[in-house]
Amino acid sequence: ITGIFTICAMSLNLLLGFTGQLSLGHVAFFGIGAYVSALTALGFDVG
């Protein structure tokens, strides 16, 4: 779990540390990645 969030921290550092842009919604990309990957594996039927 620590390794997974460290990857997120490295990705945030690319914005915050190297460009000076603070993203306080970075968790959105983390969650989108989780849902996209899960739905791709599980499948879905949606109207």
ModelCIF file with pLDDT and N, C-alpha, C, O atoms, coordinates in Angstrom:
data_MODEL
#
_entry.id   MODEL 
#
_entity.id                         1 
_entity.type                       polymer 
_entity.pdbx_number_of_molecules   1 
#
_entity_poly.entity_id                      1 
_entity_poly.type                           'polypeptide(L)' 
_entity_poly.nstd_linkage                   no 
_entity_poly.nstd_monomer                   no 
_entity_poly.pdbx_seq_one_letter_code       ITGIFTICAMSLNLLLGFTGQLSLGHVAFFGIGAYVSALTALGFDVG 
_entity_poly.pdbx_seq_one_letter_code_can   ITGIFTICAMSLNLLLGFTGQLSLGHVAFFGIGAYVSALTALGFDVG 
_entity_poly.pdbx_strand_id                 A 
#
loop_
_entity_poly_seq.entity_id 
_entity_poly_seq.num 
_entity_poly_seq.mon_id 
_entity_poly_seq.hetero 
1 1  ILE n 
1 2  THR n 
1 3  GLY n 
1 4  ILE n 
1 5  PHE n 
1 6  THR n 
1 7  ILE n 
1 8  CYS n 
1 9  ALA n 
1 10 MET n 
1 11 SER n 
1 12 LEU n 
1 13 ASN n 
1 14 LEU n 
1 15 LEU n 
1 16 LEU n 
1 17 GLY n 
1 18 PHE n 
1 19 THR n 
1 20 GLY n 
1 21 GLN n 
1 22 LEU n 
1 23 SER n 
1 24 LEU n 
1 25 GLY n 
1 26 HIS n 
1 27 VAL n 
1 28 ALA n 
1 29 PHE n 
1 30 PHE n 
1 31 GLY n 
1 32 ILE n 
1 33 GLY n 
1 34 ALA n 
1 35 TYR n 
1 36 VAL n 
1 37 SER n 
1 38 ALA n 
1 39 LEU n 
1 40 THR n 
1 41 ALA n 
1 42 LEU n 
1 43 GLY n 
1 44 PHE n 
1 45 ASP n 
1 46 VAL n 
1 47 GLY n 
#
_struct_asym.id          A 
_struct_asym.entity_id   1 
#
loop_
_ma_qa_metric.id 
_ma_qa_metric.mode 
_ma_qa_metric.name 
_ma_qa_metric.software_group_id 
_ma_qa_metric.type 
1 global pLDDT . pLDDT 
2 local  pLDDT . pLDDT 
#
_ma_qa_metric_global.metric_id      1 
_ma_qa_metric_global.metric_value   92.34 
_ma_qa_metric_global.model_id       1 
_ma_qa_metric_global.ordinal_id     1 
#
loop_
_ma_qa_metric_local.label_asym_id 
_ma_qa_metric_local.label_comp_id 
_ma_qa_metric_local.label_seq_id 
_ma_qa_metric_local.metric_id 
_ma_qa_metric_local.metric_value 
_ma_qa_metric_local.model_id 
_ma_qa_metric_local.ordinal_id 
A ILE 1  2 95.00 1 1  
A THR 2  2 94.00 1 2  
A GLY 3  2 94.00 1 3  
A ILE 4  2 96.00 1 4  
A PHE 5  2 95.00 1 5  
A THR 6  2 95.00 1 6  
A ILE 7  2 96.00 1 7  
A CYS 8  2 95.00 1 8  
A ALA 9  2 95.00 1 9  
A MET 10 2 95.00 1 10 
A SER 11 2 95.00 1 11 
A LEU 12 2 95.00 1 12 
A ASN 13 2 94.00 1 13 
A LEU 14 2 93.00 1 14 
A LEU 15 2 91.00 1 15 
A LEU 16 2 91.00 1 16 
A GLY 17 2 90.00 1 17 
A PHE 18 2 92.00 1 18 
A THR 19 2 89.00 1 19 
A GLY 20 2 87.00 1 20 
A GLN 21 2 87.00 1 21 
A LEU 22 2 86.00 1 22 
A SER 23 2 86.00 1 23 
A LEU 24 2 88.00 1 24 
A GLY 25 2 89.00 1 25 
A HIS 26 2 92.00 1 26 
A VAL 27 2 94.00 1 27 
A ALA 28 2 94.00 1 28 
A PHE 29 2 96.00 1 29 
A PHE 30 2 96.00 1 30 
A GLY 31 2 95.00 1 31 
A ILE 32 2 96.00 1 32 
A GLY 33 2 96.00 1 33 
A ALA 34 2 96.00 1 34 
A TYR 35 2 96.00 1 35 
A VAL 36 2 95.00 1 36 
A SER 37 2 95.00 1 37 
A ALA 38 2 95.00 1 38 
A LEU 39 2 94.00 1 39 
A THR 40 2 94.00 1 40 
A ALA 41 2 93.00 1 41 
A LEU 42 2 93.00 1 42 
A GLY 43 2 90.00 1 43 
A PHE 44 2 85.00 1 44 
A ASP 45 2 85.00 1 45 
A VAL 46 2 86.00 1 46 
A GLY 47 2 81.00 1 47 
#
loop_
_atom_site.group_PDB 
_atom_site.id 
_atom_site.type_symbol 
_atom_site.label_atom_id 
_atom_site.label_alt_id 
_atom_site.label_comp_id 
_atom_site.label_asym_id 
_atom_site.label_entity_id 
_atom_site.label_seq_id 
_atom_site.pdbx_PDB_ins_code 
_atom_site.Cartn_x 
_atom_site.Cartn_y 
_atom_site.Cartn_z 
_atom_site.occupancy 
_atom_site.B_iso_or_equiv 
_atom_site.pdbx_formal_charge 
_atom_site.auth_seq_id 
_atom_site.auth_comp_id 
_atom_site.auth_asym_id 
_atom_site.auth_atom_id 
_atom_site.pdbx_PDB_model_num 
ATOM 1   N N  . ILE A 1 1  ? 0.835   -1.203 0.000   1.00 95.00 ? 1  ILE A N  1 
ATOM 2   C CA . ILE A 1 1  ? 0.000   0.000  0.000   1.00 95.00 ? 1  ILE A CA 1 
ATOM 3   C C  . ILE A 1 1  ? 0.871   1.255  0.000   1.00 95.00 ? 1  ILE A C  1 
ATOM 4   O O  . ILE A 1 1  ? 0.581   2.219  -0.709  1.00 95.00 ? 1  ILE A O  1 
ATOM 5   N N  . THR A 1 2  ? 1.943   1.238  0.801   1.00 94.00 ? 2  THR A N  1 
ATOM 6   C CA . THR A 1 2  ? 2.865   2.377  0.828   1.00 94.00 ? 2  THR A CA 1 
ATOM 7   C C  . THR A 1 2  ? 3.498   2.592  -0.540  1.00 94.00 ? 2  THR A C  1 
ATOM 8   O O  . THR A 1 2  ? 3.633   3.729  -0.992  1.00 94.00 ? 2  THR A O  1 
ATOM 9   N N  . GLY A 1 3  ? 3.888   1.503  -1.203  1.00 94.00 ? 3  GLY A N  1 
ATOM 10  C CA . GLY A 1 3  ? 4.476   1.616  -2.535  1.00 94.00 ? 3  GLY A CA 1 
ATOM 11  C C  . GLY A 1 3  ? 3.518   2.226  -3.539  1.00 94.00 ? 3  GLY A C  1 
ATOM 12  O O  . GLY A 1 3  ? 3.924   3.041  -4.368  1.00 94.00 ? 3  GLY A O  1 
ATOM 13  N N  . ILE A 1 4  ? 2.255   1.843  -3.478  1.00 96.00 ? 4  ILE A N  1 
ATOM 14  C CA . ILE A 1 4  ? 1.254   2.388  -4.397  1.00 96.00 ? 4  ILE A CA 1 
ATOM 15  C C  . ILE A 1 4  ? 1.098   3.896  -4.192  1.00 96.00 ? 4  ILE A C  1 
ATOM 16  O O  . ILE A 1 4  ? 1.040   4.653  -5.161  1.00 96.00 ? 4  ILE A O  1 
ATOM 17  N N  . PHE A 1 5  ? 1.029   4.331  -2.931  1.00 95.00 ? 5  PHE A N  1 
ATOM 18  C CA . PHE A 1 5  ? 0.874   5.758  -2.671  1.00 95.00 ? 5  PHE A CA 1 
ATOM 19  C C  . PHE A 1 5  ? 2.170   6.521  -2.916  1.00 95.00 ? 5  PHE A C  1 
ATOM 20  O O  . PHE A 1 5  ? 2.141   7.725  -3.171  1.00 95.00 ? 5  PHE A O  1 
ATOM 21  N N  . THR A 1 6  ? 3.301   5.835  -2.841  1.00 95.00 ? 6  THR A N  1 
ATOM 22  C CA . THR A 1 6  ? 4.560   6.490  -3.194  1.00 95.00 ? 6  THR A CA 1 
ATOM 23  C C  . THR A 1 6  ? 4.608   6.782  -4.687  1.00 95.00 ? 6  THR A C  1 
ATOM 24  O O  . THR A 1 6  ? 5.137   7.816  -5.097  1.00 95.00 ? 6  THR A O  1 
ATOM 25  N N  . ILE A 1 7  ? 4.063   5.888  -5.505  1.00 96.00 ? 7  ILE A N  1 
ATOM 26  C CA . ILE A 1 7  ? 3.956   6.164  -6.942  1.00 96.00 ? 7  ILE A CA 1 
ATOM 27  C C  . ILE A 1 7  ? 3.109   7.416  -7.170  1.00 96.00 ? 7  ILE A C  1 
ATOM 28  O O  . ILE A 1 7  ? 3.449   8.264  -7.994  1.00 96.00 ? 7  ILE A O  1 
ATOM 29  N N  . CYS A 1 8  ? 1.998   7.521  -6.430  1.00 95.00 ? 8  CYS A N  1 
ATOM 30  C CA . CYS A 1 8  ? 1.160   8.727  -6.525  1.00 95.00 ? 8  CYS A CA 1 
ATOM 31  C C  . CYS A 1 8  ? 1.938   9.967  -6.104  1.00 95.00 ? 8  CYS A C  1 
ATOM 32  O O  . CYS A 1 8  ? 1.826   11.022 -6.729  1.00 95.00 ? 8  CYS A O  1 
ATOM 33  N N  . ALA A 1 9  ? 2.736   9.834  -5.031  1.00 95.00 ? 9  ALA A N  1 
ATOM 34  C CA . ALA A 1 9  ? 3.519   10.979 -4.559  1.00 95.00 ? 9  ALA A CA 1 
ATOM 35  C C  . ALA A 1 9  ? 4.556   11.393 -5.599  1.00 95.00 ? 9  ALA A C  1 
ATOM 36  O O  . ALA A 1 9  ? 4.774   12.586 -5.809  1.00 95.00 ? 9  ALA A O  1 
ATOM 37  N N  . MET A 1 10 ? 5.196   10.430 -6.249  1.00 95.00 ? 10 MET A N  1 
ATOM 38  C CA . MET A 1 10 ? 6.157   10.757 -7.300  1.00 95.00 ? 10 MET A CA 1 
ATOM 39  C C  . MET A 1 10 ? 5.473   11.490 -8.449  1.00 95.00 ? 10 MET A C  1 
ATOM 40  O O  . MET A 1 10 ? 6.018   12.448 -8.998  1.00 95.00 ? 10 MET A O  1 
ATOM 41  N N  . SER A 1 11 ? 4.270   11.029 -8.807  1.00 95.00 ? 11 SER A N  1 
ATOM 42  C CA . SER A 1 11 ? 3.549   11.683 -9.900  1.00 95.00 ? 11 SER A CA 1 
ATOM 43  C C  . SER A 1 11 ? 3.139   13.099 -9.508  1.00 95.00 ? 11 SER A C  1 
ATOM 44  O O  . SER A 1 11 ? 3.215   14.013 -10.329 1.00 95.00 ? 11 SER A O  1 
ATOM 45  N N  . LEU A 1 12 ? 2.705   13.291 -8.257  1.00 95.00 ? 12 LEU A N  1 
ATOM 46  C CA . LEU A 1 12 ? 2.351   14.634 -7.801  1.00 95.00 ? 12 LEU A CA 1 
ATOM 47  C C  . LEU A 1 12 ? 3.574   15.539 -7.747  1.00 95.00 ? 12 LEU A C  1 
ATOM 48  O O  . LEU A 1 12 ? 3.479   16.733 -8.033  1.00 95.00 ? 12 LEU A O  1 
ATOM 49  N N  . ASN A 1 13 ? 4.725   14.976 -7.380  1.00 94.00 ? 13 ASN A N  1 
ATOM 50  C CA . ASN A 1 13 ? 5.952   15.762 -7.304  1.00 94.00 ? 13 ASN A CA 1 
ATOM 51  C C  . ASN A 1 13 ? 6.359   16.325 -8.663  1.00 94.00 ? 13 ASN A C  1 
ATOM 52  O O  . ASN A 1 13 ? 6.996   17.375 -8.738  1.00 94.00 ? 13 ASN A O  1 
ATOM 53  N N  . LEU A 1 14 ? 5.994   15.632 -9.724  1.00 93.00 ? 14 LEU A N  1 
ATOM 54  C CA . LEU A 1 14 ? 6.290   16.136 -11.064 1.00 93.00 ? 14 LEU A CA 1 
ATOM 55  C C  . LEU A 1 14 ? 5.601   17.476 -11.294 1.00 93.00 ? 14 LEU A C  1 
ATOM 56  O O  . LEU A 1 14 ? 6.140   18.354 -11.968 1.00 93.00 ? 14 LEU A O  1 
ATOM 57  N N  . LEU A 1 15 ? 4.399   17.626 -10.725 1.00 91.00 ? 15 LEU A N  1 
ATOM 58  C CA . LEU A 1 15 ? 3.693   18.901 -10.837 1.00 91.00 ? 15 LEU A CA 1 
ATOM 59  C C  . LEU A 1 15 ? 4.114   19.882 -9.753  1.00 91.00 ? 15 LEU A C  1 
ATOM 60  O O  . LEU A 1 15 ? 4.536   21.001 -10.046 1.00 91.00 ? 15 LEU A O  1 
ATOM 61  N N  . LEU A 1 16 ? 3.998   19.460 -8.505  1.00 91.00 ? 16 LEU A N  1 
ATOM 62  C CA . LEU A 1 16 ? 4.247   20.355 -7.389  1.00 91.00 ? 16 LEU A CA 1 
ATOM 63  C C  . LEU A 1 16 ? 5.725   20.720 -7.258  1.00 91.00 ? 16 LEU A C  1 
ATOM 64  O O  . LEU A 1 16 ? 6.061   21.880 -7.017  1.00 91.00 ? 16 LEU A O  1 
ATOM 65  N N  . GLY A 1 17 ? 6.602   19.735 -7.415  1.00 90.00 ? 17 GLY A N  1 
ATOM 66  C CA . GLY A 1 17 ? 8.017   19.966 -7.178  1.00 90.00 ? 17 GLY A CA 1 
ATOM 67  C C  . GLY A 1 17 ? 8.764   20.563 -8.350  1.00 90.00 ? 17 GLY A C  1 
ATOM 68  O O  . GLY A 1 17 ? 9.651   21.395 -8.161  1.00 90.00 ? 17 GLY A O  1 
ATOM 69  N N  . PHE A 1 18 ? 8.413   20.143 -9.578  1.00 92.00 ? 18 PHE A N  1 
ATOM 70  C CA . PHE A 1 18 ? 9.202   20.568 -10.736 1.00 92.00 ? 18 PHE A CA 1 
ATOM 71  C C  . PHE A 1 18 ? 8.546   21.666 -11.564 1.00 92.00 ? 18 PHE A C  1 
ATOM 72  O O  . PHE A 1 18 ? 9.220   22.315 -12.363 1.00 92.00 ? 18 PHE A O  1 
ATOM 73  N N  . THR A 1 19 ? 7.233   21.889 -11.387 1.00 89.00 ? 19 THR A N  1 
ATOM 74  C CA . THR A 1 19 ? 6.581   22.998 -12.102 1.00 89.00 ? 19 THR A CA 1 
ATOM 75  C C  . THR A 1 19 ? 5.976   24.010 -11.146 1.00 89.00 ? 19 THR A C  1 
ATOM 76  O O  . THR A 1 19 ? 5.599   25.104 -11.564 1.00 89.00 ? 19 THR A O  1 
ATOM 77  N N  . GLY A 1 20 ? 5.875   23.659 -9.851  1.00 87.00 ? 20 GLY A N  1 
ATOM 78  C CA . GLY A 1 20 ? 5.316   24.589 -8.878  1.00 87.00 ? 20 GLY A CA 1 
ATOM 79  C C  . GLY A 1 20 ? 3.809   24.673 -8.891  1.00 87.00 ? 20 GLY A C  1 
ATOM 80  O O  . GLY A 1 20 ? 3.248   25.603 -8.311  1.00 87.00 ? 20 GLY A O  1 
ATOM 81  N N  . GLN A 1 21 ? 3.121   23.725 -9.538  1.00 87.00 ? 21 GLN A N  1 
ATOM 82  C CA . GLN A 1 21 ? 1.664   23.744 -9.626  1.00 87.00 ? 21 GLN A CA 1 
ATOM 83  C C  . GLN A 1 21 ? 1.073   22.750 -8.627  1.00 87.00 ? 21 GLN A C  1 
ATOM 84  O O  . GLN A 1 21 ? 1.341   21.552 -8.715  1.00 87.00 ? 21 GLN A O  1 
ATOM 85  N N  . LEU A 1 22 ? 0.279   23.232 -7.687  1.00 86.00 ? 22 LEU A N  1 
ATOM 86  C CA . LEU A 1 22 ? -0.309  22.399 -6.647  1.00 86.00 ? 22 LEU A CA 1 
ATOM 87  C C  . LEU A 1 22 ? -1.640  21.836 -7.116  1.00 86.00 ? 22 LEU A C  1 
ATOM 88  O O  . LEU A 1 22 ? -2.580  22.581 -7.392  1.00 86.00 ? 22 LEU A O  1 
ATOM 89  N N  . SER A 1 23 ? -1.711  20.517 -7.204  1.00 86.00 ? 23 SER A N  1 
ATOM 90  C CA . SER A 1 23 ? -2.953  19.831 -7.555  1.00 86.00 ? 23 SER A CA 1 
ATOM 91  C C  . SER A 1 23 ? -3.546  19.218 -6.292  1.00 86.00 ? 23 SER A C  1 
ATOM 92  O O  . SER A 1 23 ? -2.973  18.291 -5.719  1.00 86.00 ? 23 SER A O  1 
ATOM 93  N N  . LEU A 1 24 ? -4.692  19.734 -5.858  1.00 88.00 ? 24 LEU A N  1 
ATOM 94  C CA . LEU A 1 24 ? -5.368  19.177 -4.687  1.00 88.00 ? 24 LEU A CA 1 
ATOM 95  C C  . LEU A 1 24 ? -6.494  18.227 -5.091  1.00 88.00 ? 24 LEU A C  1 
ATOM 96  O O  . LEU A 1 24 ? -7.331  17.850 -4.271  1.00 88.00 ? 24 LEU A O  1 
ATOM 97  N N  . GLY A 1 25 ? -6.500  17.852 -6.354  1.00 89.00 ? 25 GLY A N  1 
ATOM 98  C CA . GLY A 1 25 ? -7.477  16.871 -6.813  1.00 89.00 ? 25 GLY A CA 1 
ATOM 99  C C  . GLY A 1 25 ? -6.789  15.686 -7.455  1.00 89.00 ? 25 GLY A C  1 
ATOM 100 O O  . GLY A 1 25 ? -7.376  14.992 -8.286  1.00 89.00 ? 25 GLY A O  1 
ATOM 101 N N  . HIS A 1 26 ? -5.537  15.453 -7.069  1.00 92.00 ? 26 HIS A N  1 
ATOM 102 C CA . HIS A 1 26 ? -4.760  14.399 -7.711  1.00 92.00 ? 26 HIS A CA 1 
ATOM 103 C C  . HIS A 1 26 ? -5.373  13.023 -7.486  1.00 92.00 ? 26 HIS A C  1 
ATOM 104 O O  . HIS A 1 26 ? -5.174  12.106 -8.282  1.00 92.00 ? 26 HIS A O  1 
ATOM 105 N N  . VAL A 1 27 ? -6.117  12.889 -6.396  1.00 94.00 ? 27 VAL A N  1 
ATOM 106 C CA . VAL A 1 27 ? -6.745  11.599 -6.106  1.00 94.00 ? 27 VAL A CA 1 
ATOM 107 C C  . VAL A 1 27 ? -7.773  11.230 -7.175  1.00 94.00 ? 27 VAL A C  1 
ATOM 108 O O  . VAL A 1 27 ? -8.124  10.058 -7.315  1.00 94.00 ? 27 VAL A O  1 
ATOM 109 N N  . ALA A 1 28 ? -8.256  12.216 -7.927  1.00 94.00 ? 28 ALA A N  1 
ATOM 110 C CA . ALA A 1 28 ? -9.220  11.923 -8.995  1.00 94.00 ? 28 ALA A CA 1 
ATOM 111 C C  . ALA A 1 28 ? -8.614  10.979 -10.018 1.00 94.00 ? 28 ALA A C  1 
ATOM 112 O O  . ALA A 1 28 ? -9.278  10.044 -10.465 1.00 94.00 ? 28 ALA A O  1 
ATOM 113 N N  . PHE A 1 29 ? -7.358  11.210 -10.396 1.00 96.00 ? 29 PHE A N  1 
ATOM 114 C CA . PHE A 1 29 ? -6.709  10.349 -11.391 1.00 96.00 ? 29 PHE A CA 1 
ATOM 115 C C  . PHE A 1 29 ? -6.446  8.956  -10.812 1.00 96.00 ? 29 PHE A C  1 
ATOM 116 O O  . PHE A 1 29 ? -6.547  7.950  -11.515 1.00 96.00 ? 29 PHE A O  1 
ATOM 117 N N  . PHE A 1 30 ? -6.112  8.916  -9.537  1.00 96.00 ? 30 PHE A N  1 
ATOM 118 C CA . PHE A 1 30 ? -5.936  7.633  -8.850  1.00 96.00 ? 30 PHE A CA 1 
ATOM 119 C C  . PHE A 1 30 ? -7.239  6.830  -8.885  1.00 96.00 ? 30 PHE A C  1 
ATOM 120 O O  . PHE A 1 30 ? -7.234  5.642  -9.205  1.00 96.00 ? 30 PHE A O  1 
ATOM 121 N N  . GLY A 1 31 ? -8.355  7.489  -8.553  1.00 95.00 ? 31 GLY A N  1 
ATOM 122 C CA . GLY A 1 31 ? -9.646  6.802  -8.547  1.00 95.00 ? 31 GLY A CA 1 
ATOM 123 C C  . GLY A 1 31 ? -10.121 6.418  -9.933  1.00 95.00 ? 31 GLY A C  1 
ATOM 124 O O  . GLY A 1 31 ? -10.677 5.336  -10.126 1.00 95.00 ? 31 GLY A O  1 
ATOM 125 N N  . ILE A 1 32 ? -9.906  7.302  -10.905 1.00 96.00 ? 32 ILE A N  1 
ATOM 126 C CA . ILE A 1 32 ? -10.305 6.974  -12.285 1.00 96.00 ? 32 ILE A CA 1 
ATOM 127 C C  . ILE A 1 32 ? -9.538  5.755  -12.768 1.00 96.00 ? 32 ILE A C  1 
ATOM 128 O O  . ILE A 1 32 ? -10.116 4.855  -13.378 1.00 96.00 ? 32 ILE A O  1 
ATOM 129 N N  . GLY A 1 33 ? -8.242  5.723  -12.501 1.00 96.00 ? 33 GLY A N  1 
ATOM 130 C CA . GLY A 1 33 ? -7.445  4.554  -12.889 1.00 96.00 ? 33 GLY A CA 1 
ATOM 131 C C  . GLY A 1 33 ? -7.959  3.282  -12.257 1.00 96.00 ? 33 GLY A C  1 
ATOM 132 O O  . GLY A 1 33 ? -7.993  2.234  -12.902 1.00 96.00 ? 33 GLY A O  1 
ATOM 133 N N  . ALA A 1 34 ? -8.364  3.362  -10.987 1.00 96.00 ? 34 ALA A N  1 
ATOM 134 C CA . ALA A 1 34 ? -8.881  2.180  -10.291 1.00 96.00 ? 34 ALA A CA 1 
ATOM 135 C C  . ALA A 1 34 ? -10.185 1.702  -10.930 1.00 96.00 ? 34 ALA A C  1 
ATOM 136 O O  . ALA A 1 34 ? -10.354 0.507  -11.174 1.00 96.00 ? 34 ALA A O  1 
ATOM 137 N N  . TYR A 1 35 ? -11.097 2.621  -11.199 1.00 96.00 ? 35 TYR A N  1 
ATOM 138 C CA . TYR A 1 35 ? -12.391 2.233  -11.767 1.00 96.00 ? 35 TYR A CA 1 
ATOM 139 C C  . TYR A 1 35 ? -12.262 1.754  -13.208 1.00 96.00 ? 35 TYR A C  1 
ATOM 140 O O  . TYR A 1 35 ? -12.893 0.767  -13.588 1.00 96.00 ? 35 TYR A O  1 
ATOM 141 N N  . VAL A 1 36 ? -11.457 2.436  -14.011 1.00 95.00 ? 36 VAL A N  1 
ATOM 142 C CA . VAL A 1 36 ? -11.291 2.012  -15.411 1.00 95.00 ? 36 VAL A CA 1 
ATOM 143 C C  . VAL A 1 36 ? -10.717 0.610  -15.481 1.00 95.00 ? 36 VAL A C  1 
ATOM 144 O O  . VAL A 1 36 ? -11.204 -0.223 -16.246 1.00 95.00 ? 36 VAL A O  1 
ATOM 145 N N  . SER A 1 37 ? -9.693  0.342  -14.697 1.00 95.00 ? 37 SER A N  1 
ATOM 146 C CA . SER A 1 37 ? -9.056  -0.971 -14.719 1.00 95.00 ? 37 SER A CA 1 
ATOM 147 C C  . SER A 1 37 ? -10.004 -2.050 -14.203 1.00 95.00 ? 37 SER A C  1 
ATOM 148 O O  . SER A 1 37 ? -10.075 -3.141 -14.768 1.00 95.00 ? 37 SER A O  1 
ATOM 149 N N  . ALA A 1 38 ? -10.736 -1.741 -13.123 1.00 95.00 ? 38 ALA A N  1 
ATOM 150 C CA . ALA A 1 38 ? -11.661 -2.721 -12.552 1.00 95.00 ? 38 ALA A CA 1 
ATOM 151 C C  . ALA A 1 38 ? -12.799 -3.038 -13.515 1.00 95.00 ? 38 ALA A C  1 
ATOM 152 O O  . ALA A 1 38 ? -13.150 -4.203 -13.700 1.00 95.00 ? 38 ALA A O  1 
ATOM 153 N N  . LEU A 1 39 ? -13.382 -1.998 -14.134 1.00 94.00 ? 39 LEU A N  1 
ATOM 154 C CA . LEU A 1 39 ? -14.494 -2.221 -15.055 1.00 94.00 ? 39 LEU A CA 1 
ATOM 155 C C  . LEU A 1 39 ? -14.039 -2.931 -16.325 1.00 94.00 ? 39 LEU A C  1 
ATOM 156 O O  . LEU A 1 39 ? -14.796 -3.708 -16.906 1.00 94.00 ? 39 LEU A O  1 
ATOM 157 N N  . THR A 1 40 ? -12.810 -2.671 -16.759 1.00 94.00 ? 40 THR A N  1 
ATOM 158 C CA . THR A 1 40 ? -12.280 -3.376 -17.927 1.00 94.00 ? 40 THR A CA 1 
ATOM 159 C C  . THR A 1 40 ? -12.156 -4.866 -17.638 1.00 94.00 ? 40 THR A C  1 
ATOM 160 O O  . THR A 1 40 ? -12.410 -5.689 -18.517 1.00 94.00 ? 40 THR A O  1 
ATOM 161 N N  . ALA A 1 41 ? -11.771 -5.219 -16.428 1.00 93.00 ? 41 ALA A N  1 
ATOM 162 C CA . ALA A 1 41 ? -11.615 -6.625 -16.072 1.00 93.00 ? 41 ALA A CA 1 
ATOM 163 C C  . ALA A 1 41 ? -12.955 -7.297 -15.771 1.00 93.00 ? 41 ALA A C  1 
ATOM 164 O O  . ALA A 1 41 ? -13.157 -8.461 -16.119 1.00 93.00 ? 41 ALA A O  1 
ATOM 165 N N  . LEU A 1 42 ? -13.879 -6.564 -15.121 1.00 93.00 ? 42 LEU A N  1 
ATOM 166 C CA . LEU A 1 42 ? -15.153 -7.163 -14.710 1.00 93.00 ? 42 LEU A CA 1 
ATOM 167 C C  . LEU A 1 42 ? -16.196 -7.159 -15.814 1.00 93.00 ? 42 LEU A C  1 
ATOM 168 O O  . LEU A 1 42 ? -17.032 -8.059 -15.889 1.00 93.00 ? 42 LEU A O  1 
ATOM 169 N N  . GLY A 1 43 ? -16.148 -6.148 -16.670 1.00 90.00 ? 43 GLY A N  1 
ATOM 170 C CA . GLY A 1 43 ? -17.193 -5.957 -17.657 1.00 90.00 ? 43 GLY A CA 1 
ATOM 171 C C  . GLY A 1 43 ? -18.335 -5.124 -17.083 1.00 90.00 ? 43 GLY A C  1 
ATOM 172 O O  . GLY A 1 43 ? -18.376 -4.851 -15.883 1.00 90.00 ? 43 GLY A O  1 
ATOM 173 N N  . PHE A 1 44 ? -19.268 -4.722 -17.958 1.00 85.00 ? 44 PHE A N  1 
ATOM 174 C CA . PHE A 1 44 ? -20.397 -3.905 -17.501 1.00 85.00 ? 44 PHE A CA 1 
ATOM 175 C C  . PHE A 1 44 ? -21.513 -3.958 -18.536 1.00 85.00 ? 44 PHE A C  1 
ATOM 176 O O  . PHE A 1 44 ? -21.302 -4.322 -19.693 1.00 85.00 ? 44 PHE A O  1 
ATOM 177 N N  . ASP A 1 45 ? -22.694 -3.588 -18.087 1.00 85.00 ? 45 ASP A N  1 
ATOM 178 C CA . ASP A 1 45 ? -23.872 -3.491 -18.954 1.00 85.00 ? 45 ASP A CA 1 
ATOM 179 C C  . ASP A 1 45 ? -24.611 -2.236 -18.527 1.00 85.00 ? 45 ASP A C  1 
ATOM 180 O O  . ASP A 1 45 ? -25.286 -2.235 -17.498 1.00 85.00 ? 45 ASP A O  1 
ATOM 181 N N  . VAL A 1 46 ? -24.493 -1.181 -19.295 1.00 86.00 ? 46 VAL A N  1 
ATOM 182 C CA . VAL A 1 46 ? -24.985 0.118  -18.864 1.00 86.00 ? 46 VAL A CA 1 
ATOM 183 C C  . VAL A 1 46 ? -25.817 0.767  -19.958 1.00 86.00 ? 46 VAL A C  1 
ATOM 184 O O  . VAL A 1 46 ? -25.491 0.685  -21.142 1.00 86.00 ? 46 VAL A O  1 
ATOM 185 N N  . GLY A 1 47 ? -26.900 1.416  -19.537 1.00 81.00 ? 47 GLY A N  1 
ATOM 186 C CA . GLY A 1 47 ? -27.753 2.127  -20.469 1.00 81.00 ? 47 GLY A CA 1 
ATOM 187 C C  . GLY A 1 47 ? -27.277 3.550  -20.683 1.00 81.00 ? 47 GLY A C  1 
ATOM 188 O O  . GLY A 1 47 ? -27.889 4.297  -21.447 1.00 81.00 ? 47 GLY A O  1 
#
